[in-house]
N, C-alpha and C. Protein backbone atom coordinates (compact mmCIF):
# COMPACT_ATOMS: atom_id res chain seq x y z
N MET A 1 177.85 87.10 -93.22
CA MET A 1 178.64 87.12 -94.43
C MET A 1 179.80 88.09 -94.24
N GLU A 2 180.97 87.66 -94.66
CA GLU A 2 182.18 88.46 -94.52
C GLU A 2 182.17 89.63 -95.50
N ALA A 3 182.60 90.77 -95.02
CA ALA A 3 182.71 91.94 -95.89
C ALA A 3 183.79 91.69 -96.93
N LEU A 4 183.57 92.24 -98.11
CA LEU A 4 184.54 92.06 -99.19
C LEU A 4 185.46 93.26 -99.29
N ASP A 5 186.68 92.98 -99.68
CA ASP A 5 187.69 94.00 -99.90
C ASP A 5 187.81 94.21 -101.41
N ARG A 6 188.74 95.08 -101.79
CA ARG A 6 188.86 95.40 -103.20
C ARG A 6 190.32 95.44 -103.61
N ILE A 7 190.60 94.88 -104.75
CA ILE A 7 191.88 95.05 -105.44
C ILE A 7 191.56 95.73 -106.76
N GLU A 8 192.26 96.81 -107.06
CA GLU A 8 192.05 97.52 -108.32
C GLU A 8 193.34 97.55 -109.11
N LEU A 9 193.21 97.35 -110.39
CA LEU A 9 194.31 97.47 -111.34
C LEU A 9 193.80 98.39 -112.43
N THR A 10 194.35 99.58 -112.53
CA THR A 10 193.83 100.57 -113.47
C THR A 10 194.91 101.02 -114.44
N GLY A 11 194.47 101.37 -115.63
CA GLY A 11 195.37 101.92 -116.63
C GLY A 11 196.27 100.89 -117.30
N LEU A 12 195.89 99.62 -117.23
CA LEU A 12 196.68 98.56 -117.88
C LEU A 12 196.50 98.69 -119.39
N THR A 13 197.57 98.95 -120.10
CA THR A 13 197.48 99.19 -121.54
C THR A 13 198.11 98.04 -122.31
N ALA A 14 197.40 97.58 -123.35
CA ALA A 14 197.89 96.49 -124.17
C ALA A 14 197.46 96.72 -125.62
N PHE A 15 198.24 96.22 -126.53
CA PHE A 15 197.96 96.36 -127.95
C PHE A 15 197.09 95.21 -128.41
N GLY A 16 196.05 95.54 -129.17
CA GLY A 16 195.17 94.52 -129.71
C GLY A 16 194.65 94.91 -131.08
N ARG A 17 193.99 93.97 -131.72
CA ARG A 17 193.47 94.19 -133.09
C ARG A 17 191.96 94.00 -133.12
N HIS A 18 191.27 94.68 -132.23
CA HIS A 18 189.83 94.54 -132.09
C HIS A 18 189.11 95.67 -132.80
N GLY A 19 187.96 95.35 -133.37
CA GLY A 19 187.14 96.36 -134.02
C GLY A 19 186.36 95.77 -135.17
N VAL A 20 185.37 96.50 -135.61
CA VAL A 20 184.51 96.02 -136.69
C VAL A 20 185.06 96.34 -138.07
N PHE A 21 186.04 97.24 -138.14
CA PHE A 21 186.59 97.63 -139.44
C PHE A 21 187.88 96.87 -139.72
N ASP A 22 188.09 96.55 -141.00
CA ASP A 22 189.30 95.82 -141.41
C ASP A 22 190.57 96.54 -140.98
N PHE A 23 190.59 97.86 -141.13
CA PHE A 23 191.81 98.60 -140.80
C PHE A 23 192.13 98.53 -139.30
N GLU A 24 191.11 98.38 -138.46
CA GLU A 24 191.36 98.23 -137.02
C GLU A 24 192.08 96.91 -136.74
N ARG A 25 191.69 95.89 -137.46
CA ARG A 25 192.30 94.57 -137.29
C ARG A 25 193.70 94.54 -137.90
N GLU A 26 193.87 95.24 -139.01
CA GLU A 26 195.18 95.27 -139.67
C GLU A 26 196.19 96.09 -138.87
N ASN A 27 195.80 97.28 -138.47
CA ASN A 27 196.73 98.21 -137.82
C ASN A 27 196.81 98.01 -136.31
N GLY A 28 195.71 97.60 -135.71
CA GLY A 28 195.65 97.45 -134.26
C GLY A 28 195.74 98.80 -133.55
N GLN A 29 195.60 98.76 -132.24
CA GLN A 29 195.67 99.97 -131.42
C GLN A 29 195.79 99.56 -129.96
N ASP A 30 196.09 100.56 -129.13
CA ASP A 30 196.17 100.32 -127.69
C ASP A 30 194.78 100.35 -127.07
N PHE A 31 194.56 99.44 -126.14
CA PHE A 31 193.36 99.39 -125.32
C PHE A 31 193.82 99.52 -123.88
N THR A 32 193.02 100.20 -123.08
CA THR A 32 193.35 100.36 -121.66
C THR A 32 192.28 99.67 -120.84
N ILE A 33 192.72 98.91 -119.84
CA ILE A 33 191.82 98.09 -119.04
C ILE A 33 191.90 98.53 -117.58
N ASP A 34 190.73 98.67 -116.96
CA ASP A 34 190.62 98.90 -115.52
C ASP A 34 189.88 97.73 -114.91
N LEU A 35 190.40 97.21 -113.81
CA LEU A 35 189.77 96.09 -113.11
C LEU A 35 189.51 96.47 -111.67
N ARG A 36 188.36 96.06 -111.17
CA ARG A 36 188.02 96.21 -109.76
C ARG A 36 187.50 94.86 -109.29
N LEU A 37 188.30 94.19 -108.46
CA LEU A 37 187.97 92.86 -107.96
C LEU A 37 187.44 92.96 -106.54
N SER A 38 186.40 92.23 -106.24
CA SER A 38 185.87 92.12 -104.88
C SER A 38 186.19 90.73 -104.36
N LEU A 39 186.84 90.69 -103.19
CA LEU A 39 187.25 89.44 -102.58
C LEU A 39 187.60 89.70 -101.12
N SER A 40 187.75 88.64 -100.39
CA SER A 40 188.24 88.78 -99.03
C SER A 40 189.76 88.71 -99.05
N THR A 41 190.41 89.67 -98.41
CA THR A 41 191.87 89.63 -98.30
C THR A 41 192.31 89.21 -96.89
N ARG A 42 191.38 88.78 -96.09
CA ARG A 42 191.67 88.42 -94.70
C ARG A 42 192.73 87.32 -94.61
N ARG A 43 192.56 86.25 -95.37
CA ARG A 43 193.52 85.13 -95.29
C ARG A 43 194.92 85.61 -95.70
N ALA A 44 194.99 86.42 -96.75
CA ALA A 44 196.30 86.94 -97.20
C ALA A 44 196.92 87.84 -96.15
N ALA A 45 196.11 88.67 -95.52
CA ALA A 45 196.63 89.57 -94.49
C ALA A 45 197.16 88.79 -93.30
N GLU A 46 196.49 87.69 -92.95
CA GLU A 46 196.94 86.88 -91.81
C GLU A 46 198.20 86.08 -92.15
N SER A 47 198.28 85.55 -93.36
CA SER A 47 199.42 84.71 -93.74
C SER A 47 200.58 85.52 -94.31
N ASP A 48 200.27 86.70 -94.83
CA ASP A 48 201.26 87.55 -95.51
C ASP A 48 201.90 86.79 -96.68
N ASP A 49 201.07 86.00 -97.36
CA ASP A 49 201.54 85.13 -98.45
C ASP A 49 200.74 85.45 -99.70
N VAL A 50 201.43 85.74 -100.79
CA VAL A 50 200.77 86.09 -102.05
C VAL A 50 199.90 84.94 -102.57
N ALA A 51 200.19 83.73 -102.16
CA ALA A 51 199.38 82.58 -102.59
C ALA A 51 197.95 82.66 -102.06
N ASP A 52 197.72 83.49 -101.05
CA ASP A 52 196.38 83.61 -100.45
C ASP A 52 195.59 84.80 -100.97
N THR A 53 196.04 85.37 -102.08
CA THR A 53 195.32 86.49 -102.68
C THR A 53 195.46 86.41 -104.19
N VAL A 54 194.94 87.38 -104.88
CA VAL A 54 195.10 87.47 -106.33
C VAL A 54 196.45 88.14 -106.60
N HIS A 55 197.29 87.46 -107.32
CA HIS A 55 198.61 88.00 -107.68
C HIS A 55 198.40 88.97 -108.83
N TYR A 56 198.44 90.27 -108.55
CA TYR A 56 198.07 91.25 -109.57
C TYR A 56 199.07 91.33 -110.71
N GLY A 57 200.30 90.91 -110.49
CA GLY A 57 201.27 90.85 -111.60
C GLY A 57 200.87 89.78 -112.60
N GLU A 58 200.52 88.61 -112.09
CA GLU A 58 200.06 87.52 -112.96
C GLU A 58 198.74 87.89 -113.63
N LEU A 59 197.86 88.55 -112.89
CA LEU A 59 196.58 88.99 -113.45
C LEU A 59 196.82 89.94 -114.62
N ALA A 60 197.73 90.89 -114.46
CA ALA A 60 198.03 91.84 -115.53
C ALA A 60 198.52 91.11 -116.77
N GLU A 61 199.40 90.14 -116.60
CA GLU A 61 199.90 89.37 -117.74
C GLU A 61 198.78 88.61 -118.44
N GLN A 62 197.87 88.06 -117.67
CA GLN A 62 196.74 87.32 -118.23
C GLN A 62 195.85 88.24 -119.05
N VAL A 63 195.56 89.43 -118.54
CA VAL A 63 194.70 90.37 -119.25
C VAL A 63 195.39 90.87 -120.52
N VAL A 64 196.67 91.17 -120.45
CA VAL A 64 197.41 91.59 -121.64
C VAL A 64 197.35 90.51 -122.71
N ALA A 65 197.48 89.25 -122.32
CA ALA A 65 197.41 88.15 -123.28
C ALA A 65 196.02 88.07 -123.93
N ILE A 66 194.97 88.34 -123.18
CA ILE A 66 193.63 88.33 -123.76
C ILE A 66 193.47 89.47 -124.76
N VAL A 67 193.92 90.66 -124.39
CA VAL A 67 193.82 91.82 -125.30
C VAL A 67 194.64 91.58 -126.56
N ALA A 68 195.82 91.01 -126.41
CA ALA A 68 196.70 90.76 -127.55
C ALA A 68 196.27 89.54 -128.36
N GLY A 69 195.35 88.77 -127.81
CA GLY A 69 194.94 87.51 -128.44
C GLY A 69 193.94 87.68 -129.56
N GLU A 70 193.09 86.69 -129.69
CA GLU A 70 192.12 86.61 -130.79
C GLU A 70 191.28 87.88 -130.89
N PRO A 71 191.27 88.49 -132.07
CA PRO A 71 190.49 89.72 -132.25
C PRO A 71 188.98 89.47 -132.15
N VAL A 72 188.28 90.48 -131.64
CA VAL A 72 186.82 90.47 -131.59
C VAL A 72 186.32 91.78 -132.20
N ASN A 73 185.07 91.80 -132.56
CA ASN A 73 184.49 93.02 -133.15
C ASN A 73 184.25 94.09 -132.09
N LEU A 74 183.75 93.69 -130.94
CA LEU A 74 183.25 94.64 -129.95
C LEU A 74 184.08 94.62 -128.67
N ILE A 75 184.25 95.81 -128.08
CA ILE A 75 184.93 95.85 -126.79
C ILE A 75 184.04 95.25 -125.70
N GLU A 76 182.75 95.15 -125.94
CA GLU A 76 181.86 94.46 -125.02
C GLU A 76 182.28 92.99 -124.90
N THR A 77 182.58 92.37 -126.04
CA THR A 77 183.03 90.97 -126.06
C THR A 77 184.36 90.83 -125.33
N LEU A 78 185.25 91.77 -125.58
CA LEU A 78 186.56 91.75 -124.92
C LEU A 78 186.40 91.87 -123.41
N ALA A 79 185.53 92.75 -122.96
CA ALA A 79 185.29 92.94 -121.52
C ALA A 79 184.75 91.65 -120.90
N HIS A 80 183.85 90.98 -121.57
CA HIS A 80 183.29 89.73 -121.05
C HIS A 80 184.37 88.64 -120.96
N ARG A 81 185.24 88.57 -121.95
CA ARG A 81 186.32 87.57 -121.91
C ARG A 81 187.24 87.82 -120.72
N ILE A 82 187.55 89.07 -120.50
CA ILE A 82 188.42 89.40 -119.37
C ILE A 82 187.73 89.07 -118.06
N ALA A 83 186.45 89.43 -117.93
CA ALA A 83 185.70 89.14 -116.71
C ALA A 83 185.66 87.64 -116.43
N ASP A 84 185.42 86.85 -117.46
CA ASP A 84 185.40 85.39 -117.28
C ASP A 84 186.73 84.87 -116.77
N ALA A 85 187.82 85.40 -117.30
CA ALA A 85 189.15 84.98 -116.87
C ALA A 85 189.40 85.36 -115.42
N VAL A 86 189.01 86.56 -115.03
CA VAL A 86 189.21 87.00 -113.64
C VAL A 86 188.39 86.14 -112.69
N LEU A 87 187.16 85.85 -113.05
CA LEU A 87 186.29 85.06 -112.17
C LEU A 87 186.67 83.58 -112.10
N ALA A 88 187.60 83.16 -112.94
CA ALA A 88 188.09 81.78 -112.85
C ALA A 88 188.87 81.57 -111.56
N ASP A 89 189.34 82.66 -110.96
CA ASP A 89 190.02 82.58 -109.67
C ASP A 89 188.95 82.47 -108.59
N GLU A 90 188.96 81.38 -107.84
CA GLU A 90 187.91 81.13 -106.84
C GLU A 90 187.87 82.16 -105.72
N LEU A 91 188.93 82.94 -105.54
CA LEU A 91 188.93 83.98 -104.51
C LEU A 91 188.07 85.18 -104.89
N VAL A 92 187.91 85.41 -106.18
CA VAL A 92 187.22 86.60 -106.66
C VAL A 92 185.72 86.37 -106.62
N ARG A 93 185.00 87.24 -105.91
CA ARG A 93 183.55 87.13 -105.79
C ARG A 93 182.83 87.96 -106.84
N ALA A 94 183.46 89.06 -107.28
CA ALA A 94 182.86 89.92 -108.29
C ALA A 94 183.96 90.72 -108.96
N VAL A 95 183.67 91.20 -110.17
CA VAL A 95 184.65 92.01 -110.89
C VAL A 95 183.93 93.03 -111.76
N ASP A 96 184.48 94.23 -111.79
CA ASP A 96 184.11 95.25 -112.79
C ASP A 96 185.28 95.34 -113.75
N VAL A 97 184.99 95.23 -115.03
CA VAL A 97 186.01 95.36 -116.07
C VAL A 97 185.61 96.52 -116.97
N THR A 98 186.51 97.49 -117.12
CA THR A 98 186.29 98.57 -118.06
C THR A 98 187.34 98.47 -119.15
N VAL A 99 186.87 98.42 -120.39
CA VAL A 99 187.76 98.43 -121.55
C VAL A 99 187.62 99.79 -122.21
N HIS A 100 188.74 100.50 -122.28
CA HIS A 100 188.80 101.81 -122.93
C HIS A 100 189.36 101.64 -124.33
N LYS A 101 188.75 102.33 -125.28
CA LYS A 101 189.23 102.34 -126.67
C LYS A 101 189.42 103.80 -127.07
N PRO A 102 190.52 104.42 -126.61
CA PRO A 102 190.69 105.86 -126.80
C PRO A 102 190.95 106.28 -128.24
N HIS A 103 191.26 105.30 -129.11
CA HIS A 103 191.51 105.63 -130.52
C HIS A 103 190.44 105.04 -131.42
N ALA A 104 189.23 104.93 -130.90
CA ALA A 104 188.12 104.39 -131.68
C ALA A 104 187.90 105.25 -132.92
N PRO A 105 187.48 104.63 -134.02
CA PRO A 105 187.27 105.38 -135.25
C PRO A 105 185.97 106.19 -135.22
N ILE A 106 186.02 107.29 -134.50
CA ILE A 106 184.88 108.20 -134.38
C ILE A 106 185.31 109.53 -134.98
N THR A 107 184.49 110.08 -135.85
CA THR A 107 184.89 111.31 -136.55
C THR A 107 184.82 112.54 -135.65
N ALA A 108 183.96 112.53 -134.65
CA ALA A 108 183.86 113.66 -133.72
C ALA A 108 185.02 113.61 -132.72
N GLN A 109 185.39 114.77 -132.19
CA GLN A 109 186.44 114.82 -131.18
C GLN A 109 185.90 114.23 -129.88
N PHE A 110 186.70 113.36 -129.24
CA PHE A 110 186.28 112.73 -127.99
C PHE A 110 187.51 112.37 -127.18
N ALA A 111 187.33 112.18 -125.91
CA ALA A 111 188.45 111.84 -125.03
C ALA A 111 188.60 110.33 -124.87
N ASP A 112 187.50 109.59 -124.85
CA ASP A 112 187.57 108.17 -124.58
C ASP A 112 186.24 107.52 -124.90
N VAL A 113 186.29 106.25 -125.23
CA VAL A 113 185.11 105.40 -125.33
C VAL A 113 185.41 104.19 -124.46
N SER A 114 184.46 103.79 -123.64
CA SER A 114 184.70 102.62 -122.80
C SER A 114 183.41 101.86 -122.58
N VAL A 115 183.59 100.60 -122.23
CA VAL A 115 182.49 99.73 -121.84
C VAL A 115 182.88 99.11 -120.51
N THR A 116 181.94 99.11 -119.57
CA THR A 116 182.17 98.47 -118.27
C THR A 116 181.16 97.35 -118.09
N VAL A 117 181.65 96.19 -117.69
CA VAL A 117 180.78 95.07 -117.33
C VAL A 117 181.04 94.70 -115.88
N ARG A 118 180.01 94.29 -115.21
CA ARG A 118 180.10 93.81 -113.82
C ARG A 118 179.63 92.37 -113.82
N ARG A 119 180.47 91.51 -113.28
CA ARG A 119 180.13 90.09 -113.21
C ARG A 119 180.40 89.58 -111.81
N PHE A 120 179.63 88.55 -111.43
CA PHE A 120 179.72 87.95 -110.10
C PHE A 120 180.07 86.48 -110.23
N ALA A 121 180.69 85.93 -109.20
CA ALA A 121 180.97 84.51 -109.16
C ALA A 121 179.65 83.76 -109.29
N LEU A 122 179.69 82.60 -109.91
CA LEU A 122 178.48 81.86 -110.26
C LEU A 122 177.57 81.54 -109.08
N ASP A 123 178.15 81.27 -107.93
CA ASP A 123 177.31 80.87 -106.80
C ASP A 123 176.84 82.06 -105.96
N GLN A 124 177.04 83.26 -106.47
CA GLN A 124 176.63 84.46 -105.73
C GLN A 124 175.57 85.21 -106.53
N PRO A 125 174.43 85.53 -105.95
CA PRO A 125 173.39 86.23 -106.68
C PRO A 125 173.86 87.60 -107.14
N ASP A 126 173.42 87.99 -108.32
CA ASP A 126 173.76 89.32 -108.84
C ASP A 126 173.33 90.39 -107.85
N GLY A 127 174.20 91.36 -107.68
CA GLY A 127 173.86 92.48 -106.84
C GLY A 127 174.29 92.35 -105.39
N GLN A 128 174.63 91.15 -104.96
CA GLN A 128 175.03 90.94 -103.56
C GLN A 128 176.51 91.22 -103.42
N ASP A 129 176.87 92.05 -102.47
CA ASP A 129 178.25 92.41 -102.22
C ASP A 129 178.92 92.96 -103.49
N ALA A 130 178.23 93.85 -104.16
CA ALA A 130 178.76 94.43 -105.39
C ALA A 130 180.07 95.16 -105.12
N PRO A 131 180.98 95.11 -106.10
CA PRO A 131 182.27 95.77 -105.90
C PRO A 131 182.15 97.28 -105.82
């Protein structure tokens, strides 16, 4: 089995209207997304062609559209939607998606709230070649 490489996109910030409270949906807030993709970059390295890898500019636009899109109650749901979109690319074998909600309505002082999900391509058993 070929060793997997990693592409990371961190600190991607997008405005969305997610949350369980009405005011979160009305006012919206920034969410920050971190992605860690596991895939082989061998073909891209040999061809030196962006068509043979994940185009991270297009990926960023896709994730921003998901965050800006249909509101959900939970950042867990948002993370799963993003993971599903990333795994739609047949090159990606696994993905870690972290959704940060730094302005969550929490009365205590805090630096960040985040949820991370790890998902694998359908034909790969969970835990194999984890990112």
